[in-house]
């Protein structure tokens, strides 16, 4: 009879009948329709049924009784297979703050599981990004890292992304992220710790360039931690190339000459030859010839001298052409002046 009354919308009658037979699940459903949410929650406790908790929880959400909805929700979120439906119900109605509050309250439950920690991290990344890193630092071992990584990347949370890559032992991606987004993601101690663990050694050389561009005063500290993994010959060549580029951009002829002399003193013949073209327009040919002759490198410098000679001859040819043109202009016959007799007639 109680069921028939419920189906026909006779909720007061159904309430009396269900109460009389202690059918707490049906009574909770009936109380929801009567707007008696607190009583519905109390009877849900007695019914101890996930289906009842969900029904009452959703009704409380619709009635904007969020405190009571949270009480119900705490009995639902502990079931991993029920979590997604509950979250969708809140999110579809725009109740993100209330959903976050419920999950925060649920983290201390004895039956808290990975899904809860993971979904709260994703919600933070979307709606409360300032709380994401703190949450991850506390519970990184209890979240689904690949899932949270995708959320952090979509939200452009670069520091959080680096933290997760580090914990997930994806050190190459962590270093790349820090170099791509240094303002938000780079931290000196963290970078030096992670760069020593990368699988791709090429990242070590990219890190050197990154420091030269953004943190030149800290380059020595980076070299100290990277020295066991670097090829010293390649590293020296790397810095020689950078020195050549710097000298060329400085437009300082004296600095360029000193760099050439240093290359020769250190026996870096290839760097000397490369500098002749990198810093070509800053060098005096007589100085280059003297250095090449003193160090028996005339053959190595010969392409440079050929280029210099070609330019000089081109300039001489242009000067000869200009001089010939000037002489031709001087020999052009000037028009004869008009002559008049003493009467003023032509």
Protein backbone atom coordinates (compact mmCIF):
# COMPACT_ATOMS: atom_id res chain seq x y z
CA UNK A 1 0.00 0.00 0.00
CA UNK A 2 2.85 2.35 0.80
CA UNK A 3 4.35 1.77 -2.65
CA UNK A 4 1.02 2.51 -4.34
CA UNK A 5 0.64 5.72 -2.35
CA UNK A 6 4.20 6.73 -3.29
CA UNK A 7 3.55 6.05 -6.99
CA UNK A 8 0.41 8.20 -6.91
CA UNK A 9 2.23 11.07 -5.17
CA UNK A 10 0.46 10.56 -1.85
CA UNK A 11 3.68 11.13 0.07
CA UNK A 12 2.22 11.92 3.49
CA UNK A 13 0.35 8.64 3.48
CA UNK A 14 3.38 6.77 2.18
CA UNK A 15 5.46 8.36 4.93
CA UNK A 16 3.16 6.97 7.63
CA UNK A 17 3.07 3.51 6.08
CA UNK A 18 6.83 3.26 5.53
CA UNK A 19 7.48 4.51 9.05
CA UNK A 20 5.17 1.85 10.45
CA UNK A 21 7.07 -0.99 8.77
CA UNK A 22 10.55 0.57 9.25
CA UNK A 23 11.28 0.65 5.51
CA UNK A 24 13.97 3.29 5.87
CA UNK A 25 15.09 3.34 2.20
CA UNK A 26 11.60 4.05 0.89
CA UNK A 27 10.93 6.41 3.76
CA UNK A 28 14.04 8.44 2.86
CA UNK A 29 12.83 8.70 -0.76
CA UNK A 30 9.41 9.82 0.42
CA UNK A 31 10.82 12.45 2.78
CA UNK A 32 12.84 13.92 -0.08
CA UNK A 33 9.63 14.57 -2.01
CA UNK A 34 8.18 16.24 1.07
CA UNK A 35 11.22 18.51 1.34
CA UNK A 36 12.18 17.03 4.70
CA UNK A 37 15.85 16.70 3.81
CA UNK A 38 17.28 16.32 7.32
CA UNK A 39 14.88 13.50 8.11
CA UNK A 40 15.72 11.91 4.75
CA UNK A 41 19.42 11.94 5.64
CA UNK A 42 18.70 10.41 9.06
CA UNK A 43 16.76 7.57 7.47
CA UNK A 44 19.49 7.06 4.87
CA UNK A 45 21.81 6.27 7.76
CA UNK A 46 19.41 3.58 8.89
CA UNK A 47 18.94 2.23 5.38
CA UNK A 48 22.72 2.10 4.79
CA UNK A 49 22.25 1.73 1.03
CA UNK A 50 24.43 3.40 -1.61
CA UNK A 51 21.40 3.79 -3.89
CA UNK A 52 19.53 5.59 -1.12
CA UNK A 53 22.47 7.81 -0.31
CA UNK A 54 22.70 8.82 -3.97
CA UNK A 55 19.00 9.57 -4.27
CA UNK A 56 18.97 11.72 -1.16
CA UNK A 57 22.26 13.40 -2.06
CA UNK A 58 21.02 14.38 -5.51
CA UNK A 59 17.76 15.66 -4.06
CA UNK A 60 19.67 17.79 -1.54
CA UNK A 61 21.82 19.20 -4.35
CA UNK A 62 18.69 20.11 -6.32
CA UNK A 63 17.27 21.72 -3.18
CA UNK A 64 20.62 23.50 -2.60
CA UNK A 65 20.94 21.86 0.79
CA UNK A 66 24.68 21.47 0.29
CA UNK A 67 25.59 20.68 3.91
CA UNK A 68 23.22 17.72 3.89
CA UNK A 69 24.29 16.78 0.38
CA UNK A 70 27.89 16.61 1.59
CA UNK A 71 26.90 14.31 4.47
CA UNK A 72 25.36 11.97 1.92
CA UNK A 73 28.22 12.38 -0.52
CA UNK A 74 30.78 11.20 2.03
CA UNK A 75 29.06 7.81 1.96
CA UNK A 76 29.23 7.72 -1.85
CA UNK A 77 32.73 8.93 -2.76
CA UNK A 78 34.35 6.03 -0.90
CA UNK A 79 33.05 3.79 -3.68
CA UNK A 80 35.38 4.35 -6.65
CA UNK A 81 32.79 3.22 -9.21
CA UNK A 82 30.24 5.74 -7.91
CA UNK A 83 32.56 8.76 -7.81
CA UNK A 84 32.28 9.79 -11.46
CA UNK A 85 28.47 9.95 -11.46
CA UNK A 86 28.46 12.00 -8.28
CA UNK A 87 31.01 14.44 -9.65
CA UNK A 88 29.13 14.81 -12.92
CA UNK A 89 25.92 15.61 -11.04
CA UNK A 90 27.61 18.48 -9.22
CA UNK A 91 29.59 19.76 -12.20
CA UNK A 92 26.68 19.66 -14.66
CA UNK A 93 24.88 22.08 -12.35
CA UNK A 94 27.89 24.32 -11.84
CA UNK A 95 28.43 23.48 -8.16
CA UNK A 96 32.22 23.26 -8.34
CA UNK A 97 32.95 24.90 -4.99
CA UNK A 98 30.57 22.54 -3.20
CA UNK A 99 32.10 19.52 -4.92
CA UNK A 100 35.60 20.60 -3.93
CA UNK A 101 34.50 21.10 -0.32
CA UNK A 102 33.01 17.61 -0.24
CA UNK A 103 36.14 15.96 -1.63
CA UNK A 104 38.34 17.93 0.78
CA UNK A 105 36.24 16.63 3.67
CA UNK A 106 36.45 13.08 2.30
CA UNK A 107 40.26 12.89 2.15
CA UNK A 108 40.44 12.06 5.86
CA UNK A 109 38.11 9.10 5.58
CA UNK A 110 39.53 5.67 6.33
CA UNK A 111 38.33 4.37 2.96
CA UNK A 112 39.70 7.30 0.93
CA UNK A 113 41.07 6.00 -2.37
CA UNK A 114 43.27 7.19 -5.25
CA UNK A 115 40.32 8.40 -7.33
CA UNK A 116 39.36 10.98 -4.70
CA UNK A 117 42.85 12.45 -4.45
CA UNK A 118 43.19 12.46 -8.23
CA UNK A 119 39.86 14.13 -8.97
CA UNK A 120 40.44 16.79 -6.32
CA UNK A 121 43.82 17.59 -7.89
CA UNK A 122 42.15 17.98 -11.29
CA UNK A 123 39.44 20.21 -9.83
CA UNK A 124 42.08 22.36 -8.17
CA UNK A 125 43.93 22.71 -11.49
CA UNK A 126 40.75 24.05 -13.10
CA UNK A 127 39.15 26.14 -10.38
CA UNK A 128 41.70 26.73 -7.60
CA UNK A 129 45.14 26.53 -9.25
CA UNK A 130 46.80 28.18 -6.27
CA UNK A 131 46.03 25.10 -4.17
CA UNK A 132 47.23 22.51 -6.69
CA UNK A 133 50.93 22.39 -5.78
CA UNK A 134 50.28 22.14 -2.05
CA UNK A 135 47.85 19.28 -2.64
CA UNK A 136 50.36 17.45 -4.84
CA UNK A 137 53.22 17.93 -2.39
CA UNK A 138 51.09 16.29 0.31
CA UNK A 139 49.46 13.52 -1.70
CA UNK A 140 51.51 12.94 -4.87
CA UNK A 141 51.91 9.26 -4.01
CA UNK A 142 48.13 8.82 -3.84
CA UNK A 143 47.14 10.40 -7.17
CA UNK A 144 47.05 8.97 -10.66
CA UNK A 145 50.06 10.94 -11.91
CA UNK A 146 49.52 10.54 -15.70
CA UNK A 147 45.93 11.77 -15.34
CA UNK A 148 46.93 14.78 -13.24
CA UNK A 149 49.84 15.51 -15.59
CA UNK A 150 47.40 15.99 -18.46
CA UNK A 151 45.22 18.29 -16.35
CA UNK A 152 48.20 20.38 -15.21
CA UNK A 153 49.43 20.77 -18.78
CA UNK A 154 45.99 21.84 -20.01
CA UNK A 155 45.82 24.40 -17.20
CA UNK A 156 49.38 25.65 -17.95
CA UNK A 157 50.50 24.90 -14.41
CA UNK A 158 54.17 24.55 -15.28
CA UNK A 159 55.63 24.34 -11.77
CA UNK A 160 53.13 21.62 -10.89
CA UNK A 161 53.95 19.84 -14.13
CA UNK A 162 57.67 19.81 -13.28
CA UNK A 163 56.92 18.49 -9.79
CA UNK A 164 54.87 15.60 -11.20
CA UNK A 165 57.41 14.77 -13.92
CA UNK A 166 60.07 14.56 -11.22
CA UNK A 167 57.99 12.22 -9.06
CA UNK A 168 57.07 10.13 -12.10
CA UNK A 169 60.78 9.93 -13.01
CA UNK A 170 60.26 11.62 -16.37
CA UNK A 171 63.32 13.79 -15.85
CA UNK A 172 63.76 14.76 -19.50
CA UNK A 173 60.27 16.25 -19.65
CA UNK A 174 60.81 18.02 -16.35
CA UNK A 175 63.97 19.74 -17.65
CA UNK A 176 62.34 20.65 -20.96
CA UNK A 177 59.39 22.19 -19.13
CA UNK A 178 61.65 24.29 -16.90
CA UNK A 179 63.64 25.57 -19.87
CA UNK A 180 60.48 26.31 -21.88
CA UNK A 181 58.77 28.16 -19.01
CA UNK A 182 61.58 29.50 -16.79
CA UNK A 183 59.57 32.29 -15.20
CA UNK A 184 57.01 29.93 -13.68
CA UNK A 185 58.84 26.61 -13.49
CA UNK A 186 62.61 27.10 -13.05
CA UNK A 187 64.15 26.70 -9.62
CA UNK A 188 67.91 26.53 -9.34
CA UNK A 189 68.22 23.69 -6.83
CA UNK A 190 65.51 21.60 -8.47
CA UNK A 191 66.97 22.11 -11.94
CA UNK A 192 70.49 21.08 -10.90
CA UNK A 193 69.11 18.01 -9.15
CA UNK A 194 67.00 16.84 -12.11
CA UNK A 195 69.44 17.65 -14.93
CA UNK A 196 71.88 15.05 -13.59
CA UNK A 197 69.22 12.33 -14.04
CA UNK A 198 68.16 12.96 -17.66
CA UNK A 199 68.45 10.09 -20.11
CA UNK A 200 69.18 12.28 -23.14
CA UNK A 201 72.69 13.76 -22.76
CA UNK A 202 71.86 16.37 -25.42
CA UNK A 203 69.69 18.06 -22.78
CA UNK A 204 72.85 18.79 -20.80
CA UNK A 205 74.18 20.91 -23.67
CA UNK A 206 70.79 22.55 -24.12
CA UNK A 207 70.92 23.36 -20.41
CA UNK A 208 74.29 25.08 -20.92
CA UNK A 209 72.78 27.25 -23.63
CA UNK A 210 69.76 27.95 -21.44
CA UNK A 211 72.00 29.16 -18.62
CA UNK A 212 74.06 31.29 -21.00
CA UNK A 213 70.85 32.95 -22.21
CA UNK A 214 69.00 33.34 -18.90
CA UNK A 215 71.32 32.66 -15.96
CA UNK A 216 74.90 33.39 -17.12
CA UNK A 217 76.15 34.15 -13.61
CA UNK A 218 75.22 30.63 -12.50
CA UNK A 219 76.90 28.76 -15.36
CA UNK A 220 79.84 27.61 -13.20
CA UNK A 221 77.49 25.97 -10.70
CA UNK A 222 75.79 24.09 -13.52
CA UNK A 223 79.13 22.94 -14.95
CA UNK A 224 80.11 21.50 -11.58
CA UNK A 225 77.10 19.17 -11.48
CA UNK A 226 77.24 18.32 -15.19
CA UNK A 227 80.98 17.73 -15.55
CA UNK A 228 80.75 13.91 -15.07
CA UNK A 229 78.34 13.64 -17.99
CA UNK A 230 79.82 16.14 -20.44
CA UNK A 231 82.31 15.48 -23.20
CA UNK A 232 84.98 18.00 -22.28
CA UNK A 233 86.19 18.55 -25.84
CA UNK A 234 82.66 19.21 -27.06
CA UNK A 235 81.99 21.46 -24.09
CA UNK A 236 85.05 23.58 -24.81
CA UNK A 237 84.02 23.83 -28.46
CA UNK A 238 80.52 24.78 -27.34
CA UNK A 239 81.84 27.67 -25.28
CA UNK A 240 84.35 28.65 -27.99
CA UNK A 241 81.48 28.96 -30.45
CA UNK A 242 79.56 31.07 -27.97
CA UNK A 243 82.63 33.25 -27.38
CA UNK A 244 83.01 33.81 -31.13
CA UNK A 245 79.37 34.77 -31.44
CA UNK A 246 79.64 37.15 -28.51
CA UNK A 247 82.75 38.78 -29.97
CA UNK A 248 81.07 39.22 -33.36
CA UNK A 249 77.98 40.79 -31.79
CA UNK A 250 80.05 43.07 -29.56
CA UNK A 251 81.61 44.85 -32.61
CA UNK A 252 84.76 45.19 -30.48
CA UNK A 253 87.87 44.69 -32.62
CA UNK A 254 90.22 44.57 -29.61
CA UNK A 255 88.13 41.88 -27.92
CA UNK A 256 88.11 39.85 -31.13
CA UNK A 257 91.90 40.06 -31.43
CA UNK A 258 92.34 38.87 -27.84
CA UNK A 259 90.01 35.95 -28.52
CA UNK A 260 92.09 34.91 -31.53
CA UNK A 261 95.26 35.07 -29.48
CA UNK A 262 93.68 32.98 -26.74
CA UNK A 263 92.62 30.30 -29.23
CA UNK A 264 96.20 30.09 -30.48
CA UNK A 265 97.67 29.97 -26.98
CA UNK A 266 95.34 27.09 -26.13
CA UNK A 267 96.13 25.25 -29.37
CA UNK A 268 92.57 25.52 -30.71
CA UNK A 269 93.43 25.74 -34.39
CA UNK A 270 89.90 25.01 -35.63
CA UNK A 271 88.43 27.73 -33.42
CA UNK A 272 91.02 30.17 -34.75
CA UNK A 273 90.04 29.33 -38.34
CA UNK A 274 86.32 29.57 -37.58
CA UNK A 275 86.77 32.96 -35.92
CA UNK A 276 88.33 34.38 -39.08
CA UNK A 277 84.92 34.14 -40.76
CA UNK A 278 82.64 34.62 -37.74
CA UNK A 279 84.40 37.89 -36.91
CA UNK A 280 85.54 38.65 -40.45
CA UNK A 281 84.71 42.34 -40.64
CA UNK A 282 86.32 43.08 -37.24
CA UNK A 283 89.77 41.71 -38.08
CA UNK A 284 92.79 43.50 -39.54
CA UNK A 285 94.37 41.35 -42.28
CA UNK A 286 97.91 42.34 -41.24
CA UNK A 287 97.24 41.20 -37.67
CA UNK A 288 95.77 37.88 -38.90
CA UNK A 289 98.76 37.34 -41.19
CA UNK A 290 101.21 37.96 -38.38
CA UNK A 291 99.42 35.54 -36.02
CA UNK A 292 99.12 32.88 -38.72
CA UNK A 293 102.80 33.23 -39.63
CA UNK A 294 103.97 33.11 -36.00
CA UNK A 295 102.01 29.89 -35.33
CA UNK A 296 102.59 28.17 -38.69
CA UNK A 297 98.94 28.46 -39.64
CA UNK A 298 99.22 30.31 -42.92
CA UNK A 299 97.68 27.38 -44.82
CA UNK A 300 94.77 27.27 -42.35
CA UNK A 301 94.22 31.01 -42.75
CA UNK A 302 94.59 30.99 -46.55
CA UNK A 303 90.82 30.90 -47.30
CA UNK A 304 90.51 34.07 -45.20
CA UNK A 305 93.28 35.81 -47.18
CA UNK A 306 91.75 34.73 -50.49
CA UNK A 307 88.48 36.34 -49.42
CA UNK A 308 90.29 39.50 -48.31
CA UNK A 309 92.16 39.69 -51.61
CA UNK A 310 88.96 39.20 -53.56
CA UNK A 311 87.31 42.06 -51.69
CA UNK A 312 90.33 44.35 -52.18
CA UNK A 313 90.44 43.63 -55.91
CA UNK A 314 86.72 44.28 -56.18
CA UNK A 315 87.18 47.63 -54.46
CA UNK A 316 90.11 48.50 -56.75
CA UNK A 317 88.04 47.59 -59.82
CA UNK A 318 85.21 49.81 -58.63
CA UNK A 319 87.62 52.70 -58.00
CA UNK A 320 89.14 52.28 -61.49
CA UNK A 321 85.68 52.32 -63.02
CA UNK A 322 84.77 55.49 -61.12
CA UNK A 323 88.02 57.19 -62.13
CA UNK A 324 87.47 56.32 -65.80
CA UNK A 325 83.96 57.67 -65.66
CA UNK A 326 85.21 60.88 -64.07
CA UNK A 327 87.82 61.39 -66.81
CA UNK A 328 85.24 60.82 -69.52
CA UNK A 329 83.04 63.49 -68.00
CA UNK A 330 85.97 65.97 -68.02
CA UNK A 331 86.63 65.45 -71.75
CA UNK A 332 83.09 66.06 -72.87
CA UNK A 333 83.17 69.03 -75.36
CA UNK A 334 81.64 72.14 -73.87
CA UNK A 335 79.24 74.16 -76.16
CA UNK A 336 80.98 77.08 -77.96
CA UNK A 337 80.07 80.53 -76.61
CA UNK A 338 78.10 82.95 -78.85
CA UNK A 339 80.23 85.71 -80.49
CA UNK A 340 78.91 89.31 -81.05
CA UNK A 341 80.39 92.19 -83.12
CA UNK A 342 80.84 95.70 -81.81
CA UNK A 343 77.33 96.69 -83.10
CA UNK A 344 75.75 94.05 -80.96
CA UNK A 345 74.88 91.83 -83.94
CA UNK A 346 75.55 88.09 -83.86
